[in-house]
Every structure is written in structure tokens, then in C-alpha cells.
C-alpha atoms as a PDB file:
ATOM      1  CA  MET A   1      -0.748  44.806   0.237  1.00  0.00           C
ATOM      2  CA  HIS A   2      -1.823  48.123   1.233  1.00  0.00           C
ATOM      3  CA  SER A   3       0.123  50.096   0.595  1.00  0.00           C
ATOM      4  CA  ALA A   4      -0.095  54.042  -0.349  1.00  0.00           C
ATOM      5  CA  SER A   5       3.070  55.256  -0.671  1.00  0.00           C
ATOM      6  CA  LEU A   6       5.968  55.287  -3.432  1.00  0.00           C
ATOM      7  CA  GLY A   7       9.576  55.875  -3.744  1.00  0.00           C
ATOM      8  CA  ILE A   8      12.301  55.570  -6.621  1.00  0.00           C
ATOM      9  CA  SER A   9      16.017  55.483  -6.334  1.00  0.00           C
ATOM     10  CA  PRO A  10      18.115  58.768  -8.143  1.00  0.00           C
ATOM     11  CA  ASP A  11      18.797  56.047 -11.204  1.00  0.00           C
ATOM     12  CA  GLY A  12      15.079  55.773 -11.643  1.00  0.00           C
ATOM     13  CA  ALA A  13      16.017  51.458 -11.080  1.00  0.00           C
ATOM     14  CA  ARG A  14      14.619  50.103  -7.750  1.00  0.00           C
ATOM     15  CA  LEU A  15      10.655  50.703  -6.758  1.00  0.00           C
ATOM     16  CA  PHE A  16       9.866  51.018  -2.944  1.00  0.00           C
ATOM     17  CA  ALA A  17       6.538  50.901  -0.904  1.00  0.00           C
ATOM     18  CA  ALA A  18       5.136  50.041   1.806  1.00  0.00           C
ATOM     19  CA  ALA A  19       2.699  48.228   3.427  1.00  0.00           C
ATOM     20  CA  TYR A  20       0.648  49.032   6.855  1.00  0.00           C
ATOM     21  CA  ASN A  21      -1.221  45.989   7.256  1.00  0.00           C
ATOM     22  CA  SER A  22       2.609  44.207   8.085  1.00  0.00           C
ATOM     23  CA  ALA A  23       4.625  46.393   8.723  1.00  0.00           C
ATOM     24  CA  THR A  24       6.632  45.515   5.945  1.00  0.00           C
ATOM     25  CA  LEU A  25       9.054  48.010   3.016  1.00  0.00           C
ATOM     26  CA  TYR A  26       8.978  46.009  -0.638  1.00  0.00           C
ATOM     27  CA  TYR A  27      11.633  46.418  -2.873  1.00  0.00           C
ATOM     28  CA  ARG A  28      11.483  45.771  -6.377  1.00  0.00           C
ATOM     29  CA  ASP A  29      14.905  46.464  -8.675  1.00  0.00           C
ATOM     30  CA  ILE A  30      13.205  46.493 -12.728  1.00  0.00           C
ATOM     31  CA  THR A  31      16.752  46.394 -13.706  1.00  0.00           C
ATOM     32  CA  LEU A  32      18.764  43.257 -12.097  1.00  0.00           C
ATOM     33  CA  GLY A  33      15.123  41.968 -11.976  1.00  0.00           C
ATOM     34  CA  ILE A  34      14.766  41.063  -8.041  1.00  0.00           C
ATOM     35  CA  SER A  35      12.923  41.715  -5.445  1.00  0.00           C
ATOM     36  CA  GLY A  36      12.870  41.106  -1.724  1.00  0.00           C
ATOM     37  CA  SER A  37      11.137  42.737   1.738  1.00  0.00           C
ATOM     38  CA  VAL A  38      12.280  44.141   4.866  1.00  0.00           C
ATOM     39  CA  THR A  39      10.368  44.445   8.298  1.00  0.00           C
ATOM     40  CA  ILE A  40       9.973  48.008   9.306  1.00  0.00           C
ATOM     41  CA  PRO A  41      10.477  47.907  13.346  1.00  0.00           C
ATOM     42  CA  GLY A  42       8.990  49.028  16.080  1.00  0.00           C
ATOM     43  CA  TYR A  43       5.890  50.647  14.279  1.00  0.00           C
ATOM     44  CA  SER A  44       2.368  51.365  15.404  1.00  0.00           C
ATOM     45  CA  SER A  45      -0.945  51.461  13.313  1.00  0.00           C
ATOM     46  CA  SER A  46      -2.145  53.760  15.832  1.00  0.00           C
ATOM     47  CA  ASN A  47       0.525  56.400  14.942  1.00  0.00           C
ATOM     48  CA  GLY A  48      -1.464  56.571  11.958  1.00  0.00           C
ATOM     49  CA  VAL A  49      -0.816  54.746   8.740  1.00  0.00           C
ATOM     50  CA  LEU A  50       2.529  54.101   6.226  1.00  0.00           C
ATOM     51  CA  ILE A  51       1.228  56.657   3.595  1.00  0.00           C
ATOM     52  CA  ARG A  52       5.021  59.119   2.952  1.00  0.00           C
ATOM     53  CA  MET A  53       7.798  57.779   1.361  1.00  0.00           C
ATOM     54  CA  ALA A  54      10.903  59.248  -0.577  1.00  0.00           C
ATOM     55  CA  ILE A  55      14.407  58.751  -1.574  1.00  0.00           C
ATOM     56  CA  ALA A  56      16.878  61.362  -0.902  1.00  0.00           C
ATOM     57  CA  SER A  57      19.647  62.459  -3.908  1.00  0.00           C
ATOM     58  CA  ASP A  58      22.293  60.623  -2.102  1.00  0.00           C
ATOM     59  CA  GLY A  59      20.409  56.896  -2.160  1.00  0.00           C
ATOM     60  CA  THR A  60      18.786  57.870   2.228  1.00  0.00           C
ATOM     61  CA  GLY A  61      15.206  56.714   2.098  1.00  0.00           C
ATOM     62  CA  TYR A  62      12.495  58.434   3.823  1.00  0.00           C
ATOM     63  CA  LEU A  63       9.530  56.737   5.027  1.00  0.00           C
ATOM     64  CA  SER A  64       7.179  58.703   7.625  1.00  0.00           C
ATOM     65  CA  SER A  65       3.679  57.268   9.308  1.00  0.00           C
ATOM     66  CA  GLY A  66       2.486  60.504  11.383  1.00  0.00           C
ATOM     67  CA  THR A  67       4.274  61.366  14.433  1.00  0.00           C
ATOM     68  CA  GLN A  68       6.620  58.625  13.524  1.00  0.00           C
ATOM     69  CA  TYR A  69       9.534  58.602  11.037  1.00  0.00           C
ATOM     70  CA  TRP A  70      12.059  56.064   9.459  1.00  0.00           C
ATOM     71  CA  THR A  71      15.144  56.282   7.420  1.00  0.00           C
ATOM     72  CA  PHE A  72      16.728  53.035   5.865  1.00  0.00           C
ATOM     73  CA  THR A  73      19.250  51.686   2.227  1.00  0.00           C
ATOM     74  CA  THR A  74      18.326  51.853  -1.424  1.00  0.00           C
ATOM     75  CA  VAL A  75      21.481  49.493  -1.828  1.00  0.00           C
ATOM     76  CA  ASP A  76      21.605  46.008  -1.274  1.00  0.00           C
ATOM     77  CA  THR A  77      18.727  44.464   0.417  1.00  0.00           C
ATOM     78  CA  PRO A  78      17.920  47.175   2.114  1.00  0.00           C
ATOM     79  CA  VAL A  79      18.442  48.914   5.582  1.00  0.00           C
ATOM     80  CA  VAL A  80      15.665  50.601   7.913  1.00  0.00           C
ATOM     81  CA  SER A  81      16.032  52.066  11.155  1.00  0.00           C
ATOM     82  CA  GLY A  82      13.866  54.321  13.534  1.00  0.00           C
ATOM     83  CA  PRO A  83      11.181  54.954  14.368  1.00  0.00           C
ATOM     84  CA  TYR A  84      12.572  58.632  15.813  1.00  0.00           C
ATOM     85  CA  THR A  85       9.644  60.561  17.071  1.00  0.00           C
ATOM     86  CA  LEU A  86       8.328  63.792  14.246  1.00  0.00           C
ATOM     87  CA  THR A  87       7.623  66.812  16.028  1.00  0.00           C
ATOM     88  CA  SER A  88       5.952  69.666  14.153  1.00  0.00           C
ATOM     89  CA  SER A  89       7.988  72.840  15.478  1.00  0.00           C
ATOM     90  CA  ALA A  90       4.556  74.437  15.690  1.00  0.00           C
ATOM     91  CA  SER A  91       2.680  74.275  18.163  1.00  0.00           C
ATOM     92  CA  THR A  92      -1.208  74.430  16.893  1.00  0.00           C
ATOM     93  CA  VAL A  93      -0.200  72.155  13.882  1.00  0.00           C
ATOM     94  CA  ASP A  94       1.013  68.708  13.962  1.00  0.00           C
ATOM     95  CA  THR A  95       2.369  66.155  10.994  1.00  0.00           C
ATOM     96  CA  THR A  96      -0.764  63.623  11.341  1.00  0.00           C
ATOM     97  CA  GLY A  97      -3.401  63.219   8.680  1.00  0.00           C
ATOM     98  CA  ASN A  98      -3.183  62.464   5.043  1.00  0.00           C
ATOM     99  CA  GLY A  99       0.440  62.989   3.237  1.00  0.00           C
ATOM    100  CA  ASP A 100       3.758  62.473   1.146  1.00  0.00           C
ATOM    101  CA  LEU A 101       7.605  63.139   1.134  1.00  0.00           C
ATOM    102  CA  ILE A 102       9.378  65.118  -0.946  1.00  0.00           C
ATOM    103  CA  ALA A 103      13.467  65.448  -1.187  1.00  0.00           C
ATOM    104  CA  ALA A 104      15.368  68.275  -2.284  1.00  0.00           C
ATOM    105  CA  SER A 105      18.715  68.804  -3.809  1.00  0.00           C
ATOM    106  CA  ASN A 106      20.504  70.349  -1.121  1.00  0.00           C
ATOM    107  CA  GLY A 107      18.883  66.669   0.598  1.00  0.00           C
ATOM    108  CA  ASP A 108      15.793  68.302   3.366  1.00  0.00           C
ATOM    109  CA  VAL A 109      13.228  67.126   3.514  1.00  0.00           C
ATOM    110  CA  TYR A 110       9.465  68.912   2.525  1.00  0.00           C
ATOM    111  CA  LEU A 111       6.055  66.713   4.377  1.00  0.00           C
ATOM    112  CA  ILE A 112       3.599  67.818   2.668  1.00  0.00           C
ATOM    113  CA  LYS A 113       0.555  68.092   4.827  1.00  0.00           C
ATOM    114  CA  SER A 114      -3.268  67.577   4.524  1.00  0.00           C
ATOM    115  CA  PRO A 115      -5.927  66.464   6.587  1.00  0.00           C
ATOM    116  CA  THR A 116      -7.533  63.108   6.904  1.00  0.00           C
ATOM    117  CA  THR A 117     -10.923  65.247   5.276  1.00  0.00           C
ATOM    118  CA  ALA A 118     -11.864  67.029   2.368  1.00  0.00           C
ATOM    119  CA  SER A 119     -10.236  71.215   3.180  1.00  0.00           C
ATOM    120  CA  ASN A 120      -8.731  73.409   0.757  1.00  0.00           C
ATOM    121  CA  TYR A 121      -5.595  73.466   2.933  1.00  0.00           C
ATOM    122  CA  ILE A 122      -2.186  71.411   2.879  1.00  0.00           C
ATOM    123  CA  ASP A 123       0.686  72.529   6.033  1.00  0.00           C
ATOM    124  CA  VAL A 124       4.312  72.514   4.683  1.00  0.00           C
ATOM    125  CA  PHE A 125       6.894  70.696   6.829  1.00  0.00           C
ATOM    126  CA  LYS A 126      10.561  71.048   6.437  1.00  0.00           C
ATOM    127  CA  ILE A 127      12.518  67.602   8.087  1.00  0.00           C
ATOM    128  CA  SER A 128      16.486  68.181   8.040  1.00  0.00           C
ATOM    129  CA  GLY A 129      18.643  65.008   6.846  1.00  0.00           C
ATOM    130  CA  THR A 130      18.346  62.643   8.959  1.00  0.00           C
ATOM    131  CA  SER A 131      18.559  64.275  12.185  1.00  0.00           C
ATOM    132  CA  GLY A 132      15.861  66.441  11.994  1.00  0.00           C
ATOM    133  CA  THR A 133      12.851  65.052  14.809  1.00  0.00           C
ATOM    134  CA  THR A 134      11.478  68.130  14.612  1.00  0.00           C
ATOM    135  CA  ALA A 135       9.903  68.822  11.588  1.00  0.00           C
ATOM    136  CA  GLN A 136      10.403  72.756  11.035  1.00  0.00           C
ATOM    137  CA  TYR A 137       6.820  74.652   9.945  1.00  0.00           C
ATOM    138  CA  TYR A 138       6.846  75.956   7.330  1.00  0.00           C
ATOM    139  CA  GLY A 139       3.604  77.466   6.851  1.00  0.00           C
ATOM    140  CA  ARG A 140      -0.377  76.286   5.387  1.00  0.00           C
ATOM    141  CA  VAL A 141      -1.174  76.939   1.688  1.00  0.00           C
ATOM    142  CA  THR A 142      -4.843  78.114   1.189  1.00  0.00           C
ATOM    143  CA  ASP A 143      -6.452  77.695  -2.304  1.00  0.00           C
ATOM    144  CA  SER A 144      -9.741  76.342  -3.676  1.00  0.00           C
ATOM    145  CA  ASP A 145      -7.740  73.577  -5.327  1.00  0.00           C
ATOM    146  CA  LEU A 146      -7.178  72.013  -2.706  1.00  0.00           C
ATOM    147  CA  ASN A 147     -10.775  71.405  -1.188  1.00  0.00           C
ATOM    148  CA  GLN A 148      -9.654  67.424  -0.529  1.00  0.00           C
ATOM    149  CA  ALA A 149      -7.641  65.391   1.421  1.00  0.00           C
ATOM    150  CA  PHE A 150      -3.962  64.820  -0.446  1.00  0.00           C
ATOM    151  CA  GLY A 151      -2.267  62.015   0.137  1.00  0.00           C
ATOM    152  CA  GLY A 152       0.185  61.816  -2.902  1.00  0.00           C
ATOM    153  CA  ALA A 153       3.410  64.394  -3.450  1.00  0.00           C
ATOM    154  CA  ALA A 154       6.344  64.248  -6.473  1.00  0.00           C
ATOM    155  CA  ALA A 155       7.855  67.677  -7.494  1.00  0.00           C
ATOM    156  CA  LEU A 156       9.136  67.691 -11.566  1.00  0.00           C
ATOM    157  CA  SER A 157      11.195  70.292 -13.311  1.00  0.00           C
ATOM    158  CA  THR A 158       7.951  72.343 -14.195  1.00  0.00           C
ATOM    159  CA  GLY A 159       6.552  72.254 -10.319  1.00  0.00           C
ATOM    160  CA  LEU A 160       5.168  70.106  -7.251  1.00  0.00           C
ATOM    161  CA  TYR A 161       2.563  68.166  -7.627  1.00  0.00           C
ATOM    162  CA  VAL A 162       0.035  66.118  -4.771  1.00  0.00           C
ATOM    163  CA  SER A 163      -2.725  63.951  -6.199  1.00  0.00           C
ATOM    164  CA  SER A 164      -6.214  63.566  -3.733  1.00  0.00           C
ATOM    165  CA  THR A 165      -7.951  59.828  -3.284  1.00  0.00           C
ATOM    166  CA  SER A 166     -10.743  61.217  -5.719  1.00  0.00           C
ATOM    167  CA  GLY A 167      -8.947  62.003  -8.143  1.00  0.00           C
ATOM    168  CA  ARG A 168      -7.012  65.481  -8.354  1.00  0.00           C
ATOM    169  CA  LEU A 169      -4.330  66.367  -9.268  1.00  0.00           C
ATOM    170  CA  SER A 170      -3.017  69.470  -7.919  1.00  0.00           C
ATOM    171  CA  ASN A 171       0.452  71.922  -9.024  1.00  0.00           C
ATOM    172  CA  VAL A 172       1.324  73.624  -6.378  1.00  0.00           C
ATOM    173  CA  ASN A 173       3.365  76.422  -5.688  1.00  0.00           C
ATOM    174  CA  LEU A 174       5.375  76.609  -2.857  1.00  0.00           C
ATOM    175  CA  ALA A 175       6.865  80.262  -4.360  1.00  0.00           C
ATOM    176  CA  THR A 176       3.281  81.694  -3.931  1.00  0.00           C
ATOM    177  CA  TYR A 177       1.832  79.191  -1.423  1.00  0.00           C
ATOM    178  CA  SER A 178      -1.099  78.335  -4.420  1.00  0.00           C
ATOM    179  CA  ALA A 179      -2.385  76.417  -6.186  1.00  0.00           C
ATOM    180  CA  SER A 180      -3.888  75.239  -9.787  1.00  0.00           C
ATOM    181  CA  THR A 181      -6.238  72.397 -10.928  1.00  0.00           C
ATOM    182  CA  VAL A 182      -4.085  70.073 -13.299  1.00  0.00           C
ATOM    183  CA  THR A 183      -7.178  67.719 -14.030  1.00  0.00           C
ATOM    184  CA  SER A 184      -9.796  66.328 -11.522  1.00  0.00           C
ATOM    185  CA  ASN A 185     -10.003  63.276 -13.619  1.00  0.00           C
ATOM    186  CA  ALA A 186      -6.727  61.965 -13.490  1.00  0.00           C
ATOM    187  CA  ALA A 187      -6.140  57.877 -13.010  1.00  0.00           C
ATOM    188  CA  ILE A 188      -3.997  59.093 -10.202  1.00  0.00           C
ATOM    189  CA  THR A 189      -5.787  57.821  -6.490  1.00  0.00           C
ATOM    190  CA  ALA A 190      -2.560  57.433  -4.201  1.00  0.00           C
ATOM    191  CA  ASP A 191       0.961  57.907  -4.277  1.00  0.00           C
ATOM    192  CA  LEU A 192       2.897  60.294  -6.001  1.00  0.00           C
ATOM    193  CA  ALA A 193       7.198  59.699  -6.843  1.00  0.00           C
ATOM    194  CA  SER A 194      10.069  60.603  -9.347  1.00  0.00           C
ATOM    195  CA  CYS A 195      13.681  61.128  -8.829  1.00  0.00           C
ATOM    196  CA  TYR A 196      13.751  64.554 -10.036  1.00  0.00           C
ATOM    197  CA  TYR A 197      14.728  67.013  -6.708  1.00  0.00           C
ATOM    198  CA  PRO A 198      13.705  70.590  -7.161  1.00  0.00           C
ATOM    199  CA  ASN A 199      15.585  72.979  -5.416  1.00  0.00           C
ATOM    200  CA  LEU A 200      13.650  74.610  -2.927  1.00  0.00           C
ATOM    201  CA  ALA A 201      15.161  77.434  -0.922  1.00  0.00           C
ATOM    202  CA  PRO A 202      14.114  81.152  -0.277  1.00  0.00           C
ATOM    203  CA  ASN A 203      15.755  84.324  -2.044  1.00  0.00           C
ATOM    204  CA  ILE A 204      16.098  87.154  -0.110  1.00  0.00           C
ATOM    205  CA  THR A 205      16.528  90.852  -1.115  1.00  0.00           C
ATOM    206  CA  ALA A 206      15.812  93.952  -0.008  1.00  0.00           C
ATOM    207  CA  THR A 207      15.750  97.984  -0.202  1.00  0.00           C
ATOM    208  CA  LYS A 208      15.596 100.906   1.428  1.00  0.00           C
ATOM    209  CA  SER A 209      15.176 104.493   0.175  1.00  0.00           C
ATOM    210  CA  VAL A 210      14.409 107.678   2.143  1.00  0.00           C
ATOM    211  CA  SER A 211      12.563 110.708   2.068  1.00  0.00           C
ATOM    212  CA  LYS A 212      12.128 114.050   3.973  1.00  0.00           C
ATOM    213  CA  VAL A 213       8.016 114.623   3.419  1.00  0.00           C
ATOM    214  CA  ALA A 214       7.778 117.750   5.964  1.00  0.00           C
ATOM    215  CA  GLY A 215      10.244 120.404   7.998  1.00  0.00           C
ATOM    216  CA  SER A 216      13.223 122.873   7.120  1.00  0.00           C
ATOM    217  CA  ALA A 217      12.863 123.858   3.034  1.00  0.00           C
ATOM    218  CA  GLY A 218      15.529 122.434   0.183  1.00  0.00           C
ATOM    219  CA  THR A 219      16.615 119.322  -0.051  1.00  0.00           C
ATOM    220  CA  SER A 220      18.650 118.788   2.944  1.00  0.00           C
ATOM    221  CA  VAL A 221      17.874 116.849   6.123  1.00  0.00           C
ATOM    222  CA  LEU A 222      18.044 119.236   9.372  1.00  0.00           C
ATOM    223  CA  PRO A 223      17.503 118.884  12.642  1.00  0.00           C
ATOM    224  CA  GLY A 224      13.480 118.407  13.452  1.00  0.00           C
ATOM    225  CA  ASP A 225      12.718 117.610  10.160  1.00  0.00           C
ATOM    226  CA  THR A 226      10.894 114.612   9.733  1.00  0.00           C
ATOM    227  CA  LEU A 227      11.765 111.206   7.187  1.00  0.00           C
ATOM    228  CA  GLU A 228      10.135 108.652   5.881  1.00  0.00           C
ATOM    229  CA  TYR A 229      11.266 105.195   5.005  1.00  0.00           C
ATOM    230  CA  THR A 230      10.835 102.725   3.002  1.00  0.00           C
ATOM    231  CA  ILE A 231      11.438  98.453   2.929  1.00  0.00           C
ATOM    232  CA  VAL A 232      10.493  96.253   0.173  1.00  0.00           C
ATOM    233  CA  THR A 233      11.501  92.493   0.546  1.00  0.00           C
ATOM    234  CA  ARG A 234      11.030  90.630  -2.032  1.00  0.00           C
ATOM    235  CA  ASN A 235      11.874  86.114  -2.213  1.00  0.00           C
ATOM    236  CA  SER A 236      12.706  84.984  -5.909  1.00  0.00           C
ATOM    237  CA  GLY A 237      13.320  81.956  -4.117  1.00  0.00           C
ATOM    238  CA  THR A 238      11.079  78.799  -4.774  1.00  0.00           C
ATOM    239  CA  LEU A 239       9.869  78.295  -1.102  1.00  0.00           C
END
């Protein structure tokens, strides 16, 4: 059905996939043994391929293509809403290309975007809930282990993983903006999905110290003395 997207409901019971040749969202309930499909409204292949999908912990599904995205319900017969225009907050970086969506524990959705050709980087955006038509650009992860086109992404308790169409599986650390290859010969060459929701948030702390580096004798500070301030900022979070 020409699909490269995959989503899993929070309870692991429903699988979702989107077909870009027919603009159709397919679902299969493995507990109830039922399946079906619904039309994705307003989809145009000229805007990109339907290759990005994630389902948040509240059951809201997200589907993205180029500069468009949709939301959908995941119970009973799904209802698809959209398309909404997805605009990058960075004037020099757009949201087109390969990539995938992952959902965080607080309901935010992140776009992990890779160029359509082999490269050594991925771009990271945040889409905040169903109103997040502006994708907040978080930066670029540049690493030689990302020298392929990556189209799949999923999170587990052990980290964030991305997959390429050439069979490379890499682990991406969004705290250090680095990557490492897990294997270059993975059987998975398309999309990844999971129903694990990582806590993605920065945790910023700063400490300030001061010392007298020139001027009067002794430890007291007098007018005319030169002081040196040192501010150390750390991010002990996961983003």
C-alpha cells in the first residue's frame, strides 16, 4: 500500500499505518481482531510523503508530511483532522525531508527530520499538542554515525533510536546532541514505533562565583579592585 509510517496505541492493541498513494489511514486492532481504514483529508503528494507518525499517551495520533500535519483519534473508527500547516521557527531550516515523530510524556510531539539524501545530521523540532502549527526548532544533531537518510524514529527506556533505509540503526542522545551506531545491518529499513513516552525536558542550573584578581591587598573588596565572575551553566536534563 506504499506506506512508510507506523504508530502504536498507548495500550499496544492498535497498529496504524498511512498509505500515501491512496491518502488512507489503516488500522488493525490485534485484541479485537478488527481492521479498517479512513481517508486522510487534504493530502497532496506534492507536499511530501506520509512517512511520519506517532501516537501520544492520551491516545491522540499525529501524522506529518513535509509542511503539513494531521491529528487523528485512535478508538472506534478513527477521525482524522487537518491538514494543518507546519511552519518551522527557523528561517533557514524547514520541516521537509525524511523523518519521523515521537511523543514525549508531557504530550509534546517531536519531529526528528533527516535530509532526503545521505547526510551526517538530523534536525530536531517540537510540536506542542494539536495547536502546534509552528515547529519549534531545537537544533541539529551532527554526527558521522548519521551519514545516511533516516526515516524512522522511536523511543525506548534505553534511548531514542533512528533507522535508515539502508539498514542502519543508531541511538541519538538529545542531551548531548550525539549519536552512535547500534548496527549497520538492521533488518528494519523503514519506520520505527513504540508506546513508550520519554521524559524530554532540559534541566538547567547555574552557579556563580567571584574572586578578586587585581587591586588592593587582602581579601576585602575596595573601590578600584578588579573582580572576575565565573558563571557555570549545566543541563542535566534529557533535551
